[in-house]
Amino acid sequence: MTLIPKPFVFARHAQSEFNAAFRIGGFTDSPLSETGIQQAKDAAPILSAIDWSLVATSTLQRTQETALHAVPKKHYGL
């Protein structure tokens, strides 16, 4: 088997409304807070510099919202 040298990044979602209120969300869906939206946007210049073959998220809103702000939509295979 030949391994292809491609970047791989595992990232946690940005701050959610639950995080901001010091609550644990778990599988409870909680949208990003305003701070979380800014965190994801701040990550965009770094993450957009890579030609991703795929961006995968869970079905939770906070993970999808983080990815939408942090990575160009052209990479979505969901």
PDB file of N, CA and C in Angstrom:
ATOM      1  N   MET A   1       0.842  -1.164   0.000  1.00  0.00           N
ATOM      2  CA  MET A   1       0.000   0.000   0.000  1.00  0.00           C
ATOM      3  C   MET A   1       0.897   1.241   0.000  1.00  0.00           C
ATOM      4  N   THR A   2       0.560   2.196  -0.846  1.00  0.00           N
ATOM      5  CA  THR A   2       1.304   3.439  -0.916  1.00  0.00           C
ATOM      6  C   THR A   2       0.501   4.545  -0.237  1.00  0.00           C
ATOM      7  N   LEU A   3       1.139   5.221   0.670  1.00  0.00           N
ATOM      8  CA  LEU A   3       0.491   6.342   1.342  1.00  0.00           C
ATOM      9  C   LEU A   3       0.749   7.624   0.558  1.00  0.00           C
ATOM     10  N   ILE A   4      -0.291   8.385   0.369  1.00  0.00           N
ATOM     11  CA  ILE A   4      -0.174   9.649  -0.340  1.00  0.00           C
ATOM     12  C   ILE A   4       0.050  10.742   0.695  1.00  0.00           C
ATOM     13  N   PRO A   5       1.079  11.546   0.522  1.00  0.00           N
ATOM     14  CA  PRO A   5       1.337  12.611   1.502  1.00  0.00           C
ATOM     15  C   PRO A   5       0.330  13.755   1.355  1.00  0.00           C
ATOM     16  N   LYS A   6      -0.742  13.669   2.106  1.00  0.00           N
ATOM     17  CA  LYS A   6      -1.790  14.692   2.092  1.00  0.00           C
ATOM     18  C   LYS A   6      -1.991  15.188   3.512  1.00  0.00           C
ATOM     19  N   PRO A   7      -2.288  16.475   3.670  1.00  0.00           N
ATOM     20  CA  PRO A   7      -2.541  16.980   5.018  1.00  0.00           C
ATOM     21  C   PRO A   7      -3.852  16.444   5.586  1.00  0.00           C
ATOM     22  N   PHE A   8      -3.867  16.279   6.888  1.00  0.00           N
ATOM     23  CA  PHE A   8      -5.064  15.837   7.608  1.00  0.00           C
ATOM     24  C   PHE A   8      -5.186  16.726   8.831  1.00  0.00           C
ATOM     25  N   VAL A   9      -6.355  17.277   9.026  1.00  0.00           N
ATOM     26  CA  VAL A   9      -6.581  18.136  10.183  1.00  0.00           C
ATOM     27  C   VAL A   9      -7.837  17.668  10.896  1.00  0.00           C
ATOM     28  N   PHE A  10      -7.719  17.515  12.188  1.00  0.00           N
ATOM     29  CA  PHE A  10      -8.868  17.205  13.028  1.00  0.00           C
ATOM     30  C   PHE A  10      -9.087  18.441  13.880  1.00  0.00           C
ATOM     31  N   ALA A  11     -10.243  19.043  13.754  1.00  0.00           N
ATOM     32  CA  ALA A  11     -10.508  20.277  14.501  1.00  0.00           C
ATOM     33  C   ALA A  11     -11.807  20.154  15.283  1.00  0.00           C
ATOM     34  N   ARG A  12     -11.810  20.734  16.436  1.00  0.00           N
ATOM     35  CA  ARG A  12     -13.015  20.811  17.260  1.00  0.00           C
ATOM     36  C   ARG A  12     -13.851  21.975  16.750  1.00  0.00           C
ATOM     37  N   HIS A  13     -15.139  21.900  16.970  1.00  0.00           N
ATOM     38  CA  HIS A  13     -16.005  23.014  16.581  1.00  0.00           C
ATOM     39  C   HIS A  13     -15.641  24.262  17.373  1.00  0.00           C
ATOM     40  N   ALA A  14     -16.024  25.417  16.837  1.00  0.00           N
ATOM     41  CA  ALA A  14     -15.801  26.679  17.536  1.00  0.00           C
ATOM     42  C   ALA A  14     -16.784  26.789  18.711  1.00  0.00           C
ATOM     43  N   GLN A  15     -16.694  27.873  19.455  1.00  0.00           N
ATOM     44  CA  GLN A  15     -17.527  28.028  20.651  1.00  0.00           C
ATOM     45  C   GLN A  15     -19.016  28.039  20.305  1.00  0.00           C
ATOM     46  N   SER A  16     -19.776  27.192  20.991  1.00  0.00           N
ATOM     47  CA  SER A  16     -21.227  27.151  20.804  1.00  0.00           C
ATOM     48  C   SER A  16     -21.908  27.995  21.877  1.00  0.00           C
ATOM     49  N   GLU A  17     -23.196  28.198  21.713  1.00  0.00           N
ATOM     50  CA  GLU A  17     -23.968  28.922  22.732  1.00  0.00           C
ATOM     51  C   GLU A  17     -23.880  28.197  24.077  1.00  0.00           C
ATOM     52  N   PHE A  18     -23.920  26.864  24.053  1.00  0.00           N
ATOM     53  CA  PHE A  18     -23.790  26.088  25.294  1.00  0.00           C
ATOM     54  C   PHE A  18     -22.419  26.318  25.928  1.00  0.00           C
ATOM     55  N   ASN A  19     -21.352  26.287  25.112  1.00  0.00           N
ATOM     56  CA  ASN A  19     -20.010  26.529  25.651  1.00  0.00           C
ATOM     57  C   ASN A  19     -19.942  27.887  26.327  1.00  0.00           C
ATOM     58  N   ALA A  20     -20.519  28.901  25.687  1.00  0.00           N
ATOM     59  CA  ALA A  20     -20.484  30.263  26.228  1.00  0.00           C
ATOM     60  C   ALA A  20     -21.210  30.353  27.578  1.00  0.00           C
ATOM     61  N   ALA A  21     -22.219  29.500  27.759  1.00  0.00           N
ATOM     62  CA  ALA A  21     -22.992  29.490  29.011  1.00  0.00           C
ATOM     63  C   ALA A  21     -22.439  28.476  30.013  1.00  0.00           C
ATOM     64  N   PHE A  22     -21.230  27.935  29.743  1.00  0.00           N
ATOM     65  CA  PHE A  22     -20.585  26.935  30.596  1.00  0.00           C
ATOM     66  C   PHE A  22     -21.438  25.684  30.759  1.00  0.00           C
ATOM     67  N   ARG A  23     -22.117  25.295  29.664  1.00  0.00           N
ATOM     68  CA  ARG A  23     -22.911  24.070  29.648  1.00  0.00           C
ATOM     69  C   ARG A  23     -22.250  23.082  28.706  1.00  0.00           C
ATOM     70  N   ILE A  24     -22.394  21.809  28.993  1.00  0.00           N
ATOM     71  CA  ILE A  24     -21.874  20.758  28.126  1.00  0.00           C
ATOM     72  C   ILE A  24     -22.980  20.365  27.162  1.00  0.00           C
ATOM     73  N   GLY A  25     -22.689  20.411  25.870  1.00  0.00           N
ATOM     74  CA  GLY A  25     -23.706  20.139  24.864  1.00  0.00           C
ATOM     75  C   GLY A  25     -23.889  18.667  24.554  1.00  0.00           C
ATOM     76  N   GLY A  26     -22.792  17.925  24.494  1.00  0.00           N
ATOM     77  CA  GLY A  26     -22.913  16.525  24.103  1.00  0.00           C
ATOM     78  C   GLY A  26     -23.598  16.400  22.760  1.00  0.00           C
ATOM     79  N   PHE A  27     -24.645  15.590  22.680  1.00  0.00           N
ATOM     80  CA  PHE A  27     -25.378  15.419  21.431  1.00  0.00           C
ATOM     81  C   PHE A  27     -26.509  16.430  21.284  1.00  0.00           C
ATOM     82  N   THR A  28     -26.659  17.323  22.274  1.00  0.00           N
ATOM     83  CA  THR A  28     -27.657  18.379  22.163  1.00  0.00           C
ATOM     84  C   THR A  28     -27.149  19.395  21.151  1.00  0.00           C
ATOM     85  N   ASP A  29     -27.982  19.728  20.180  1.00  0.00           N
ATOM     86  CA  ASP A  29     -27.546  20.647  19.140  1.00  0.00           C
ATOM     87  C   ASP A  29     -27.596  22.079  19.646  1.00  0.00           C
ATOM     88  N   SER A  30     -26.500  22.781  19.510  1.00  0.00           N
ATOM     89  CA  SER A  30     -26.394  24.163  19.948  1.00  0.00           C
ATOM     90  C   SER A  30     -25.642  24.936  18.870  1.00  0.00           C
ATOM     91  N   PRO A  31     -26.184  26.048  18.394  1.00  0.00           N
ATOM     92  CA  PRO A  31     -25.499  26.816  17.347  1.00  0.00           C
ATOM     93  C   PRO A  31     -24.251  27.509  17.896  1.00  0.00           C
ATOM     94  N   LEU A  32     -23.447  28.026  17.001  1.00  0.00           N
ATOM     95  CA  LEU A  32     -22.268  28.767  17.419  1.00  0.00           C
ATOM     96  C   LEU A  32     -22.674  30.095  18.048  1.00  0.00           C
ATOM     97  N   SER A  33     -21.872  30.518  19.008  1.00  0.00           N
ATOM     98  CA  SER A  33     -22.044  31.852  19.575  1.00  0.00           C
ATOM     99  C   SER A  33     -21.410  32.857  18.612  1.00  0.00           C
ATOM    100  N   GLU A  34     -21.580  34.131  18.864  1.00  0.00           N
ATOM    101  CA  GLU A  34     -20.920  35.153  18.029  1.00  0.00           C
ATOM    102  C   GLU A  34     -19.405  34.986  18.089  1.00  0.00           C
ATOM    103  N   THR A  35     -18.894  34.663  19.269  1.00  0.00           N
ATOM    104  CA  THR A  35     -17.458  34.407  19.416  1.00  0.00           C
ATOM    105  C   THR A  35     -17.049  33.209  18.580  1.00  0.00           C
ATOM    106  N   GLY A  36     -17.866  32.163  18.591  1.00  0.00           N
ATOM    107  CA  GLY A  36     -17.581  30.961  17.810  1.00  0.00           C
ATOM    108  C   GLY A  36     -17.551  31.237  16.313  1.00  0.00           C
ATOM    109  N   ILE A  37     -18.476  32.048  15.842  1.00  0.00           N
ATOM    110  CA  ILE A  37     -18.483  32.411  14.420  1.00  0.00           C
ATOM    111  C   ILE A  37     -17.188  33.133  14.078  1.00  0.00           C
ATOM    112  N   GLN A  38     -16.767  34.048  14.939  1.00  0.00           N
ATOM    113  CA  GLN A  38     -15.516  34.771  14.688  1.00  0.00           C
ATOM    114  C   GLN A  38     -14.318  33.833  14.753  1.00  0.00           C
ATOM    115  N   GLN A  39     -14.327  32.875  15.688  1.00  0.00           N
ATOM    116  CA  GLN A  39     -13.231  31.905  15.775  1.00  0.00           C
ATOM    117  C   GLN A  39     -13.101  31.119  14.471  1.00  0.00           C
ATOM    118  N   ALA A  40     -14.240  30.667  13.943  1.00  0.00           N
ATOM    119  CA  ALA A  40     -14.217  29.897  12.698  1.00  0.00           C
ATOM    120  C   ALA A  40     -13.730  30.758  11.536  1.00  0.00           C
ATOM    121  N   LYS A  41     -14.188  32.003  11.472  1.00  0.00           N
ATOM    122  CA  LYS A  41     -13.732  32.916  10.417  1.00  0.00           C
ATOM    123  C   LYS A  41     -12.238  33.208  10.540  1.00  0.00           C
ATOM    124  N   ASP A  42     -11.755  33.296  11.771  1.00  0.00           N
ATOM    125  CA  ASP A  42     -10.325  33.528  11.994  1.00  0.00           C
ATOM    126  C   ASP A  42      -9.475  32.346  11.518  1.00  0.00           C
ATOM    127  N   ALA A  43     -10.025  31.151  11.540  1.00  0.00           N
ATOM    128  CA  ALA A  43      -9.310  29.960  11.084  1.00  0.00           C
ATOM    129  C   ALA A  43      -9.293  29.855   9.557  1.00  0.00           C
ATOM    130  N   ALA A  44     -10.194  30.545   8.889  1.00  0.00           N
ATOM    131  CA  ALA A  44     -10.341  30.427   7.429  1.00  0.00           C
ATOM    132  C   ALA A  44      -9.061  30.716   6.647  1.00  0.00           C
ATOM    133  N   PRO A  45      -8.307  31.777   6.945  1.00  0.00           N
ATOM    134  CA  PRO A  45      -7.085  32.013   6.157  1.00  0.00           C
ATOM    135  C   PRO A  45      -6.087  30.853   6.219  1.00  0.00           C
ATOM    136  N   ILE A  46      -6.027  30.196   7.353  1.00  0.00           N
ATOM    137  CA  ILE A  46      -5.109  29.063   7.501  1.00  0.00           C
ATOM    138  C   ILE A  46      -5.658  27.837   6.770  1.00  0.00           C
ATOM    139  N   LEU A  47      -6.926  27.509   7.015  1.00  0.00           N
ATOM    140  CA  LEU A  47      -7.514  26.303   6.437  1.00  0.00           C
ATOM    141  C   LEU A  47      -7.793  26.430   4.951  1.00  0.00           C
ATOM    142  N   SER A  48      -8.028  27.640   4.473  1.00  0.00           N
ATOM    143  CA  SER A  48      -8.319  27.847   3.052  1.00  0.00           C
ATOM    144  C   SER A  48      -7.069  27.739   2.189  1.00  0.00           C
ATOM    145  N   ALA A  49      -5.907  27.788   2.794  1.00  0.00           N
ATOM    146  CA  ALA A  49      -4.651  27.698   2.050  1.00  0.00           C
ATOM    147  C   ALA A  49      -4.366  26.272   1.583  1.00  0.00           C
ATOM    148  N   ILE A  50      -5.112  25.314   2.089  1.00  0.00           N
ATOM    149  CA  ILE A  50      -4.902  23.900   1.752  1.00  0.00           C
ATOM    150  C   ILE A  50      -5.975  23.460   0.764  1.00  0.00           C
ATOM    151  N   ASP A  51      -5.576  22.696  -0.245  1.00  0.00           N
ATOM    152  CA  ASP A  51      -6.525  22.173  -1.221  1.00  0.00           C
ATOM    153  C   ASP A  51      -7.102  20.861  -0.679  1.00  0.00           C
ATOM    154  N   TRP A  52      -8.164  20.969   0.088  1.00  0.00           N
ATOM    155  CA  TRP A  52      -8.776  19.810   0.737  1.00  0.00           C
ATOM    156  C   TRP A  52      -9.499  18.941  -0.271  1.00  0.00           C
ATOM    157  N   SER A  53      -9.399  17.638  -0.105  1.00  0.00           N
ATOM    158  CA  SER A  53     -10.164  16.725  -0.950  1.00  0.00           C
ATOM    159  C   SER A  53     -11.543  16.468  -0.346  1.00  0.00           C
ATOM    160  N   LEU A  54     -11.677  16.700   0.960  1.00  0.00           N
ATOM    161  CA  LEU A  54     -12.950  16.454   1.629  1.00  0.00           C
ATOM    162  C   LEU A  54     -12.980  17.178   2.971  1.00  0.00           C
ATOM    163  N   VAL A  55     -14.144  17.679   3.323  1.00  0.00           N
ATOM    164  CA  VAL A  55     -14.393  18.217   4.665  1.00  0.00           C
ATOM    165  C   VAL A  55     -15.563  17.414   5.216  1.00  0.00           C
ATOM    166  N   ALA A  56     -15.358  16.763   6.329  1.00  0.00           N
ATOM    167  CA  ALA A  56     -16.409  15.941   6.928  1.00  0.00           C
ATOM    168  C   ALA A  56     -16.734  16.482   8.319  1.00  0.00           C
ATOM    169  N   THR A  57     -18.014  16.510   8.644  1.00  0.00           N
ATOM    170  CA  THR A  57     -18.460  16.947   9.967  1.00  0.00           C
ATOM    171  C   THR A  57     -19.487  15.958  10.489  1.00  0.00           C
ATOM    172  N   SER A  58     -19.814  16.102  11.750  1.00  0.00           N
ATOM    173  CA  SER A  58     -20.935  15.337  12.275  1.00  0.00           C
ATOM    174  C   SER A  58     -22.224  16.017  11.806  1.00  0.00           C
ATOM    175  N   THR A  59     -23.334  15.510  12.233  1.00  0.00           N
ATOM    176  CA  THR A  59     -24.619  16.098  11.847  1.00  0.00           C
ATOM    177  C   THR A  59     -25.022  17.260  12.753  1.00  0.00           C
ATOM    178  N   LEU A  60     -24.217  17.552  13.772  1.00  0.00           N
ATOM    179  CA  LEU A  60     -24.550  18.636  14.689  1.00  0.00           C
ATOM    180  C   LEU A  60     -24.331  20.000  14.038  1.00  0.00           C
ATOM    181  N   GLN A  61     -25.251  20.909  14.312  1.00  0.00           N
ATOM    182  CA  GLN A  61     -25.237  22.242  13.711  1.00  0.00           C
ATOM    183  C   GLN A  61     -23.917  22.974  13.981  1.00  0.00           C
ATOM    184  N   ARG A  62     -23.395  22.883  15.194  1.00  0.00           N
ATOM    185  CA  ARG A  62     -22.182  23.633  15.533  1.00  0.00           C
ATOM    186  C   ARG A  62     -20.980  23.168  14.724  1.00  0.00           C
ATOM    187  N   THR A  63     -20.920  21.888  14.393  1.00  0.00           N
ATOM    188  CA  THR A  63     -19.795  21.392  13.600  1.00  0.00           C
ATOM    189  C   THR A  63     -19.929  21.828  12.147  1.00  0.00           C
ATOM    190  N   GLN A  64     -21.124  21.760  11.613  1.00  0.00           N
ATOM    191  CA  GLN A  64     -21.342  22.165  10.227  1.00  0.00           C
ATOM    192  C   GLN A  64     -21.160  23.666  10.064  1.00  0.00           C
ATOM    193  N   GLU A  65     -21.638  24.433  11.036  1.00  0.00           N
ATOM    194  CA  GLU A  65     -21.502  25.885  10.992  1.00  0.00           C
ATOM    195  C   GLU A  65     -20.027  26.292  11.080  1.00  0.00           C
ATOM    196  N   THR A  66     -19.258  25.615  11.917  1.00  0.00           N
ATOM    197  CA  THR A  66     -17.826  25.887  12.012  1.00  0.00           C
ATOM    198  C   THR A  66     -17.160  25.654  10.665  1.00  0.00           C
ATOM    199  N   ALA A  67     -17.456  24.522  10.046  1.00  0.00           N
ATOM    200  CA  ALA A  67     -16.848  24.205   8.753  1.00  0.00           C
ATOM    201  C   ALA A  67     -17.247  25.206   7.675  1.00  0.00           C
ATOM    202  N   LEU A  68     -18.494  25.631   7.662  1.00  0.00           N
ATOM    203  CA  LEU A  68     -18.947  26.590   6.655  1.00  0.00           C
ATOM    204  C   LEU A  68     -18.188  27.908   6.738  1.00  0.00           C
ATOM    205  N   HIS A  69     -17.867  28.334   7.941  1.00  0.00           N
ATOM    206  CA  HIS A  69     -17.138  29.592   8.107  1.00  0.00           C
ATOM    207  C   HIS A  69     -15.628  29.424   7.917  1.00  0.00           C
ATOM    208  N   ALA A  70     -15.111  28.230   8.165  1.00  0.00           N
ATOM    209  CA  ALA A  70     -13.661  28.030   8.185  1.00  0.00           C
ATOM    210  C   ALA A  70     -13.057  27.483   6.898  1.00  0.00           C
ATOM    211  N   VAL A  71     -13.870  26.828   6.067  1.00  0.00           N
ATOM    212  CA  VAL A  71     -13.338  26.166   4.867  1.00  0.00           C
ATOM    213  C   VAL A  71     -14.222  26.503   3.666  1.00  0.00           C
ATOM    214  N   PRO A  72     -13.618  26.778   2.525  1.00  0.00           N
ATOM    215  CA  PRO A  72     -14.422  27.088   1.332  1.00  0.00           C
ATOM    216  C   PRO A  72     -15.393  25.971   0.980  1.00  0.00           C
ATOM    217  N   LYS A  73     -16.572  26.334   0.521  1.00  0.00           N
ATOM    218  CA  LYS A  73     -17.618  25.353   0.223  1.00  0.00           C
ATOM    219  C   LYS A  73     -17.260  24.393  -0.902  1.00  0.00           C
ATOM    220  N   LYS A  74     -16.298  24.754  -1.749  1.00  0.00           N
ATOM    221  CA  LYS A  74     -15.944  23.881  -2.868  1.00  0.00           C
ATOM    222  C   LYS A  74     -15.454  22.512  -2.394  1.00  0.00           C
ATOM    223  N   HIS A  75     -15.092  22.393  -1.119  1.00  0.00           N
ATOM    224  CA  HIS A  75     -14.552  21.142  -0.592  1.00  0.00           C
ATOM    225  C   HIS A  75     -15.594  20.227   0.018  1.00  0.00           C
ATOM    226  N   TYR A  76     -16.846  20.654   0.021  1.00  0.00           N
ATOM    227  CA  TYR A  76     -17.846  19.872   0.720  1.00  0.00           C
ATOM    228  C   TYR A  76     -18.290  18.670  -0.093  1.00  0.00           C
ATOM    229  N   GLY A  77     -18.205  17.504   0.538  1.00  0.00           N
ATOM    230  CA  GLY A  77     -18.648  16.266  -0.077  1.00  0.00           C
ATOM    231  C   GLY A  77     -19.738  15.648   0.757  1.00  0.00           C
ATOM    232  N   LEU A  78     -20.489  16.457   1.464  1.00  0.00           N
ATOM    233  CA  LEU A  78     -21.514  15.944   2.381  1.00  0.00           C
ATOM    234  C   LEU A  78     -22.849  15.838   1.699  1.00  0.00           C
TER     235      LEU A  78
END
